[in-house]
Amino acid sequence: MRAPLVLAAAAALAVPAGAATAAPRLQSPSLARIAAAPAFVADSTLAAPKASRLLLRGAYWGGRYTTPSGDAVTVYVSDSYAQDPAIPQRWADFLSSLVHGSELGLVTAYLAPLDEVQTICGADALACYSPQQSLLVAPGDAPAADISAEAVVTHEYGHHVAAHRSDAPWAAVDYGTKRWASYMEVCRRTRSGELYPGAESIPNYELNPGEAFAETYRVLNQRREGVMETPWDIVDQSLYPTSQALALVEQDVTAPWTKAATTTYRSSLSAQTRARTFSVATALDGTLGLTVRIGAVRARVRVTTASGASVADRTLAARHAATVRTTICGQRSYSVRVARVRGAGAVTLTVTRP
């Protein structure tokens, strides 16, 4: 797992009530600017051992803070800053103001001046995140004239959200969360070479769905706060969020997908009813499991996609079962046809899908 550098996190996010003055509207650095400055290309990776050493070092102050909404958030501030309890409290309140779920209680935010952040995250990094430690390292003040600290933290918190969501069989931190990634066709577009999960260098960085998810999360929060949206400059325009994409990200944050659902269909075959066809809708990408069990009937089982592509074709002896597993990758329905060869008996189809 990687810890993404915020390249496009120059959002104009309003700071919650009781916090510092809201950040002004900022401009994201253009792709041309980044291409001309290789220092901004690579993401920073914060390995779990380094994250652990940072927390064990103890060169910080802060702790667990309760926000006005009742959330408990862990915020540490580098010893480089003068101790003021209002600082970590303000950041705890800010994090609590973002769209979040139970993962908020798992994050540890470590705030430091940019030069210290870069000793932790890498010489050219603006911030980093350790999925293993749920540790977010970011500047406590604006790292540049056109990038607010709040924007950097919001983008990185988007990675924290993804790290605590399932998009099985893929890692959500690289592919995005389940509903959003399915809607954006991340799997299909990755297979076709359009997207590059985990890419950390230009030009593929702008086609990294993990970064697109974090940027979409930033836009979601920006619009909720009612501030003017920062231009979408770093991630490819094809990944820019529609209203539906934003709604799905919010749903993935507040009501996350957790596991597959199982449905059972029953029918029978006979001399009069020689075949049964089951249509299986697949709204989400992921793993599809199909188990066919038959009674005293020999039958041929064919599984195809909506376009007619064959997934499986086999013949079952009487009183036998067969299981087919495939990856749903942009296909929104499958057809399961069970045709009698001889005999008569029951047919049971068990479907496990996201």
Protein backbone atom coordinates (compact mmCIF):
# COMPACT_ATOMS: atom_id res chain seq x y z
CA MET A 1 0.00 0.00 0.00
CA ARG A 2 1.19 3.47 -0.77
CA ALA A 3 0.77 6.81 0.92
CA PRO A 4 -0.28 9.33 -1.73
CA LEU A 5 1.23 12.78 -1.99
CA VAL A 6 -1.40 15.48 -2.36
CA LEU A 7 -0.71 17.02 -5.75
CA ALA A 8 -4.22 18.21 -6.49
CA ALA A 9 -5.47 18.98 -3.02
CA ALA A 10 -5.60 22.75 -3.34
CA ALA A 11 -9.24 22.91 -2.28
CA ALA A 12 -11.04 25.92 -0.89
CA LEU A 13 -12.50 24.22 2.16
CA ALA A 14 -14.29 26.21 4.81
CA VAL A 15 -12.95 25.66 8.29
CA PRO A 16 -15.70 24.59 10.72
CA ALA A 17 -17.18 26.90 13.30
CA GLY A 18 -14.78 27.75 16.08
CA ALA A 19 -11.76 27.05 13.89
CA ALA A 20 -9.37 29.41 12.16
CA THR A 21 -10.48 31.70 9.35
CA ALA A 22 -11.68 29.80 6.29
CA ALA A 23 -9.06 29.17 3.63
CA PRO A 24 -9.24 31.39 0.53
CA ARG A 25 -9.95 29.98 -2.90
CA LEU A 26 -6.80 28.33 -4.16
CA GLN A 27 -5.52 27.27 -7.55
CA SER A 28 -4.31 23.69 -8.16
CA PRO A 29 -0.91 23.46 -9.87
CA SER A 30 -1.34 22.63 -13.55
CA LEU A 31 -0.10 19.43 -15.17
CA ALA A 32 2.35 21.49 -17.21
CA ARG A 33 3.79 22.91 -14.00
CA ILE A 34 4.12 19.46 -12.48
CA ALA A 35 5.64 17.98 -15.63
CA ALA A 36 8.23 20.76 -15.54
CA ALA A 37 8.99 20.04 -11.90
CA PRO A 38 9.88 16.34 -11.43
CA ALA A 39 10.03 16.91 -7.67
CA PHE A 40 6.24 16.86 -7.64
CA VAL A 41 5.85 13.62 -9.59
CA ALA A 42 6.38 10.76 -7.15
CA ASP A 43 4.03 9.93 -4.30
CA SER A 44 5.42 9.50 -0.84
CA THR A 45 5.25 6.10 0.82
CA LEU A 46 5.18 5.94 4.60
CA ALA A 47 6.07 2.39 5.54
CA ALA A 48 4.55 0.92 8.69
CA PRO A 49 7.92 0.67 10.54
CA LYS A 50 8.68 4.34 9.87
CA ALA A 51 5.19 5.33 10.99
CA SER A 52 5.64 3.36 14.19
CA ARG A 53 9.02 4.96 14.87
CA LEU A 54 7.51 8.40 14.41
CA LEU A 55 4.88 7.75 17.05
CA LEU A 56 7.37 6.09 19.40
CA ARG A 57 9.74 9.04 19.15
CA GLY A 58 7.35 11.16 21.15
CA ALA A 59 8.56 14.53 19.81
CA TYR A 60 5.01 15.85 19.78
CA TRP A 61 2.13 16.84 21.98
CA GLY A 62 -1.60 16.48 21.77
CA GLY A 63 -3.86 13.48 22.26
CA ARG A 64 -7.49 12.52 21.83
CA TYR A 65 -9.94 15.39 21.47
CA THR A 66 -13.71 15.43 21.62
CA THR A 67 -15.42 17.55 18.99
CA PRO A 68 -18.68 19.51 19.35
CA SER A 69 -20.48 16.67 17.53
CA GLY A 70 -19.17 14.13 20.04
CA ASP A 71 -16.50 12.52 17.85
CA ALA A 72 -13.19 11.52 19.42
CA VAL A 73 -10.21 12.28 17.18
CA THR A 74 -6.50 11.73 17.82
CA VAL A 75 -4.33 14.69 16.83
CA TYR A 76 -0.63 15.13 17.55
CA VAL A 77 1.29 18.31 16.89
CA SER A 78 5.04 18.49 16.38
CA ASP A 79 7.19 20.02 19.09
CA SER A 80 8.25 22.47 16.38
CA TYR A 81 5.04 24.36 17.14
CA ALA A 82 4.50 26.23 20.37
CA GLN A 83 2.11 24.31 22.57
CA ASP A 84 -1.41 25.65 22.34
CA PRO A 85 -4.32 23.26 23.03
CA ALA A 86 -6.48 25.21 20.58
CA ILE A 87 -4.38 23.92 17.66
CA PRO A 88 -5.08 20.17 17.93
CA GLN A 89 -8.65 20.91 18.98
CA ARG A 90 -9.17 22.97 15.84
CA TRP A 91 -7.86 20.14 13.66
CA ALA A 92 -9.97 17.56 15.45
CA ASP A 93 -13.01 19.75 14.82
CA PHE A 94 -12.02 20.15 11.18
CA LEU A 95 -11.68 16.41 10.62
CA SER A 96 -15.01 15.86 12.33
CA SER A 97 -16.60 18.35 9.91
CA LEU A 98 -15.68 16.19 6.92
CA VAL A 99 -18.03 13.47 5.65
CA HIS A 100 -16.96 10.49 7.71
CA GLY A 101 -17.90 7.19 9.27
CA SER A 102 -16.47 5.15 12.11
CA GLU A 103 -13.00 5.36 10.54
CA LEU A 104 -12.67 8.85 12.04
CA GLY A 105 -11.99 7.30 15.42
CA LEU A 106 -9.12 5.26 13.93
CA VAL A 107 -7.12 8.06 12.33
CA THR A 108 -4.09 9.64 13.93
CA ALA A 109 -3.27 13.03 12.46
CA TYR A 110 0.30 14.24 12.89
CA LEU A 111 0.80 17.91 12.02
CA ALA A 112 4.19 19.50 11.53
CA PRO A 113 5.92 22.25 9.54
CA LEU A 114 6.52 21.32 5.90
CA ASP A 115 10.26 20.76 6.32
CA GLU A 116 9.58 18.22 9.06
CA VAL A 117 6.81 16.60 7.02
CA GLN A 118 9.34 16.12 4.23
CA THR A 119 11.84 14.44 6.54
CA ILE A 120 9.07 11.93 7.32
CA CYS A 121 7.30 11.58 3.97
CA GLY A 122 10.10 12.32 1.52
CA ALA A 123 12.02 15.34 0.35
CA ASP A 124 9.37 16.38 -2.18
CA ALA A 125 6.21 15.25 -0.40
CA LEU A 126 3.50 17.55 0.87
CA ALA A 127 1.95 14.85 3.05
CA CYS A 128 1.69 11.10 3.41
CA TYR A 129 -0.55 8.43 4.85
CA SER A 130 0.21 5.02 6.31
CA PRO A 131 -2.70 2.60 5.77
CA GLN A 132 -1.20 0.11 8.21
CA GLN A 133 -1.01 2.66 11.03
CA SER A 134 -3.94 4.87 9.95
CA LEU A 135 -1.45 7.70 10.33
CA LEU A 136 -1.91 10.94 8.40
CA VAL A 137 1.13 13.23 8.29
CA ALA A 138 0.51 16.72 6.95
CA PRO A 139 1.59 20.32 7.37
CA GLY A 140 -0.10 22.26 10.13
CA ASP A 141 -0.01 25.45 8.10
CA ALA A 142 -0.20 26.24 4.39
CA PRO A 143 2.68 24.45 2.61
CA ALA A 144 2.57 26.93 -0.29
CA ALA A 145 0.87 30.16 -1.26
CA ASP A 146 -1.64 28.28 -3.39
CA ILE A 147 -2.22 25.21 -1.19
CA SER A 148 -4.02 25.29 2.15
CA ALA A 149 -3.22 22.89 4.96
CA GLU A 150 -6.94 22.08 5.21
CA ALA A 151 -7.01 21.02 1.56
CA VAL A 152 -4.01 18.72 1.99
CA VAL A 153 -5.53 17.10 5.07
CA THR A 154 -8.89 16.62 3.33
CA HIS A 155 -7.32 14.84 0.36
CA GLU A 156 -5.25 12.63 2.63
CA TYR A 157 -8.28 11.85 4.76
CA GLY A 158 -9.91 10.60 1.55
CA HIS A 159 -7.16 7.99 1.39
CA HIS A 160 -7.85 7.12 5.02
CA VAL A 161 -11.51 6.55 4.16
CA ALA A 162 -10.56 4.27 1.27
CA ALA A 163 -8.08 2.35 3.40
CA HIS A 164 -10.93 1.46 5.76
CA ARG A 165 -13.39 0.35 3.08
CA SER A 166 -13.66 -2.91 1.14
CA ASP A 167 -13.65 -3.07 -2.63
CA ALA A 168 -12.84 -6.79 -2.70
CA PRO A 169 -11.10 -8.29 -4.59
CA TRP A 170 -9.26 -5.00 -5.08
CA ALA A 171 -7.67 -2.65 -2.55
CA ALA A 172 -9.97 0.37 -2.18
CA VAL A 173 -7.02 2.62 -1.41
CA ASP A 174 -5.84 2.00 -5.01
CA TYR A 175 -9.14 1.44 -6.85
CA GLY A 176 -11.56 3.55 -4.82
CA THR A 177 -14.57 2.46 -2.81
CA LYS A 178 -17.02 -0.16 -4.06
CA ARG A 179 -19.99 1.84 -5.40
CA TRP A 180 -17.88 4.72 -6.73
CA ALA A 181 -15.37 2.41 -8.43
CA SER A 182 -18.15 0.36 -10.03
CA TYR A 183 -19.88 3.50 -11.31
CA MET A 184 -16.60 4.87 -12.67
CA GLU A 185 -15.84 1.48 -14.30
CA VAL A 186 -12.42 1.39 -12.68
CA CYS A 187 -11.94 -2.35 -13.29
CA ARG A 188 -12.91 -2.26 -16.97
CA ARG A 189 -10.90 0.86 -17.64
CA THR A 190 -7.89 -0.59 -15.83
CA ARG A 191 -8.06 -3.77 -17.91
CA SER A 192 -8.25 -1.73 -21.09
CA GLY A 193 -5.21 0.34 -20.12
CA GLU A 194 -7.14 3.57 -19.49
CA LEU A 195 -6.49 3.74 -15.74
CA TYR A 196 -3.46 2.93 -13.58
CA PRO A 197 -4.23 2.08 -9.94
CA GLY A 198 -1.27 2.86 -7.72
CA ALA A 199 0.58 4.88 -10.37
CA GLU A 200 2.98 7.33 -8.78
CA SER A 201 4.52 9.12 -11.73
CA ILE A 202 3.38 11.40 -14.53
CA PRO A 203 1.65 10.80 -16.91
CA ASN A 204 -0.09 7.78 -15.35
CA TYR A 205 -0.57 9.58 -12.04
CA GLU A 206 -3.40 11.62 -13.53
CA LEU A 207 -5.14 8.33 -14.40
CA ASN A 208 -4.74 6.84 -10.93
CA PRO A 209 -8.25 6.00 -9.60
CA GLY A 210 -7.03 6.08 -6.00
CA GLU A 211 -6.07 9.72 -6.47
CA ALA A 212 -9.32 10.39 -8.32
CA PHE A 213 -11.26 9.00 -5.37
CA ALA A 214 -9.38 11.24 -2.91
CA GLU A 215 -9.97 14.25 -5.17
CA THR A 216 -13.66 13.38 -5.51
CA TYR A 217 -13.84 13.19 -1.72
CA ARG A 218 -12.28 16.65 -1.61
CA VAL A 219 -14.87 18.01 -4.06
CA LEU A 220 -17.69 16.40 -2.07
CA ASN A 221 -16.61 18.20 1.09
CA GLN A 222 -15.94 21.43 -0.77
CA ARG A 223 -19.46 21.48 -2.20
CA ARG A 224 -21.01 20.60 1.14
CA GLU A 225 -19.31 23.65 2.60
CA GLY A 226 -20.69 25.78 -0.24
CA VAL A 227 -17.34 27.17 -1.36
CA MET A 228 -16.20 27.74 -4.94
CA GLU A 229 -14.71 24.59 -6.41
CA THR A 230 -11.04 24.50 -7.24
CA PRO A 231 -10.32 23.56 -10.89
CA TRP A 232 -9.88 19.84 -11.58
CA ASP A 233 -6.34 20.01 -12.93
CA ILE A 234 -4.34 17.02 -11.72
CA VAL A 235 -6.60 14.01 -12.23
CA ASP A 236 -7.82 13.33 -15.76
CA GLN A 237 -11.05 15.05 -16.74
CA SER A 238 -12.66 11.68 -17.47
CA LEU A 239 -12.58 11.06 -13.71
CA TYR A 240 -14.22 14.35 -12.78
CA PRO A 241 -17.22 13.57 -10.54
CA THR A 242 -20.81 13.79 -11.69
CA SER A 243 -23.48 14.41 -9.08
CA GLN A 244 -24.05 10.64 -9.04
CA ALA A 245 -20.36 9.98 -8.39
CA LEU A 246 -20.40 12.40 -5.46
CA ALA A 247 -23.54 10.79 -4.07
CA LEU A 248 -21.96 7.34 -4.31
CA VAL A 249 -18.80 8.50 -2.54
CA GLU A 250 -20.93 9.91 0.27
CA GLN A 251 -22.83 6.63 0.46
CA ASP A 252 -19.57 4.67 0.50
CA VAL A 253 -18.37 6.82 3.40
CA THR A 254 -21.51 6.85 5.53
CA ALA A 255 -23.01 3.42 4.64
CA PRO A 256 -20.08 1.38 3.31
CA TRP A 257 -20.38 -1.85 1.37
CA THR A 258 -19.06 -4.67 3.55
CA LYS A 259 -19.78 -8.10 2.06
CA ALA A 260 -21.39 -10.07 -0.72
CA ALA A 261 -25.08 -10.97 -0.69
CA THR A 262 -26.47 -14.44 -1.44
CA THR A 263 -29.69 -15.14 -3.35
CA THR A 264 -31.20 -18.55 -4.17
CA TYR A 265 -33.42 -19.35 -7.17
CA ARG A 266 -35.35 -22.63 -7.57
CA SER A 267 -36.90 -24.26 -10.60
CA SER A 268 -37.13 -27.68 -12.28
CA LEU A 269 -36.57 -29.43 -15.60
CA SER A 270 -38.69 -32.08 -17.29
CA ALA A 271 -39.70 -33.32 -20.70
CA GLN A 272 -42.15 -30.43 -20.85
CA THR A 273 -39.75 -27.79 -19.47
CA ARG A 274 -36.46 -28.52 -21.16
CA ALA A 275 -34.52 -25.38 -20.12
CA ARG A 276 -34.51 -22.60 -17.57
CA THR A 277 -32.71 -19.30 -17.96
CA PHE A 278 -31.86 -17.14 -14.96
CA SER A 279 -30.93 -13.49 -15.43
CA VAL A 280 -28.50 -12.27 -12.77
CA ALA A 281 -28.16 -8.51 -12.33
CA THR A 282 -24.74 -7.30 -11.13
CA ALA A 283 -24.86 -3.65 -10.15
CA LEU A 284 -21.40 -3.67 -8.54
CA ASP A 285 -18.01 -4.92 -9.66
CA GLY A 286 -16.38 -7.67 -7.64
CA THR A 287 -16.54 -11.44 -7.32
CA LEU A 288 -19.54 -13.36 -8.67
CA GLY A 289 -20.20 -16.89 -7.46
CA LEU A 290 -22.77 -19.15 -9.17
CA THR A 291 -23.58 -22.61 -7.82
CA VAL A 292 -25.97 -24.88 -9.74
CA ARG A 293 -27.35 -28.00 -8.05
CA ILE A 294 -29.55 -30.44 -9.91
CA GLY A 295 -31.74 -33.38 -8.92
CA ALA A 296 -32.43 -36.52 -10.93
CA VAL A 297 -31.63 -34.81 -14.22
CA ARG A 298 -28.55 -34.59 -16.40
CA ALA A 299 -28.16 -30.99 -17.58
CA ARG A 300 -25.94 -28.61 -19.47
CA VAL A 301 -25.08 -25.36 -17.71
CA ARG A 302 -24.01 -22.29 -19.67
CA VAL A 303 -23.05 -18.94 -18.17
CA THR A 304 -22.72 -15.92 -20.46
CA THR A 305 -22.39 -12.17 -20.12
CA ALA A 306 -25.06 -9.81 -21.43
CA SER A 307 -23.00 -9.44 -24.62
CA GLY A 308 -23.00 -13.20 -25.13
CA ALA A 309 -19.42 -13.90 -24.09
CA SER A 310 -19.06 -17.37 -22.58
CA VAL A 311 -18.03 -17.62 -18.94
CA ALA A 312 -18.65 -21.34 -18.40
CA ASP A 313 -20.12 -24.27 -20.31
CA ARG A 314 -20.32 -27.70 -18.69
CA THR A 315 -22.55 -30.74 -18.32
CA LEU A 316 -23.63 -31.96 -14.89
CA ALA A 317 -24.49 -35.50 -13.99
CA ALA A 318 -27.69 -36.08 -12.04
CA ARG A 319 -27.59 -35.06 -8.38
CA HIS A 320 -24.40 -33.10 -8.84
CA ALA A 321 -23.40 -29.45 -8.40
CA ALA A 322 -20.98 -27.06 -10.03
CA THR A 323 -19.66 -23.68 -8.94
CA VAL A 324 -18.50 -20.95 -11.28
CA ARG A 325 -16.56 -17.94 -10.01
CA THR A 326 -15.76 -14.94 -12.13
CA THR A 327 -14.83 -11.30 -11.67
CA ILE A 328 -17.53 -8.77 -12.45
CA CYS A 329 -15.64 -6.09 -14.35
CA GLY A 330 -18.14 -3.73 -15.92
CA GLN A 331 -20.71 -6.41 -16.76
CA ARG A 332 -24.07 -5.43 -15.35
CA SER A 333 -25.82 -8.77 -15.93
CA TYR A 334 -25.18 -12.45 -16.61
CA SER A 335 -27.32 -15.24 -17.98
CA VAL A 336 -27.35 -18.75 -16.50
CA ARG A 337 -29.04 -21.32 -18.74
CA VAL A 338 -29.68 -24.83 -17.45
CA ALA A 339 -30.86 -27.20 -20.20
CA ARG A 340 -32.12 -30.76 -19.72
CA VAL A 341 -30.14 -33.57 -21.36
CA ARG A 342 -32.23 -36.36 -19.87
CA GLY A 343 -34.27 -37.11 -16.79
CA ALA A 344 -36.29 -34.70 -14.70
CA GLY A 345 -35.63 -32.97 -11.43
CA ALA A 346 -35.07 -29.83 -9.41
CA VAL A 347 -32.66 -27.05 -10.26
CA THR A 348 -31.26 -24.71 -7.62
CA LEU A 349 -29.11 -21.70 -8.45
CA THR A 350 -27.29 -19.92 -5.62
CA VAL A 351 -25.84 -16.52 -6.52
CA THR A 352 -23.26 -14.67 -4.43
CA ARG A 353 -22.57 -11.15 -5.66
CA PRO A 354 -21.41 -7.78 -4.34
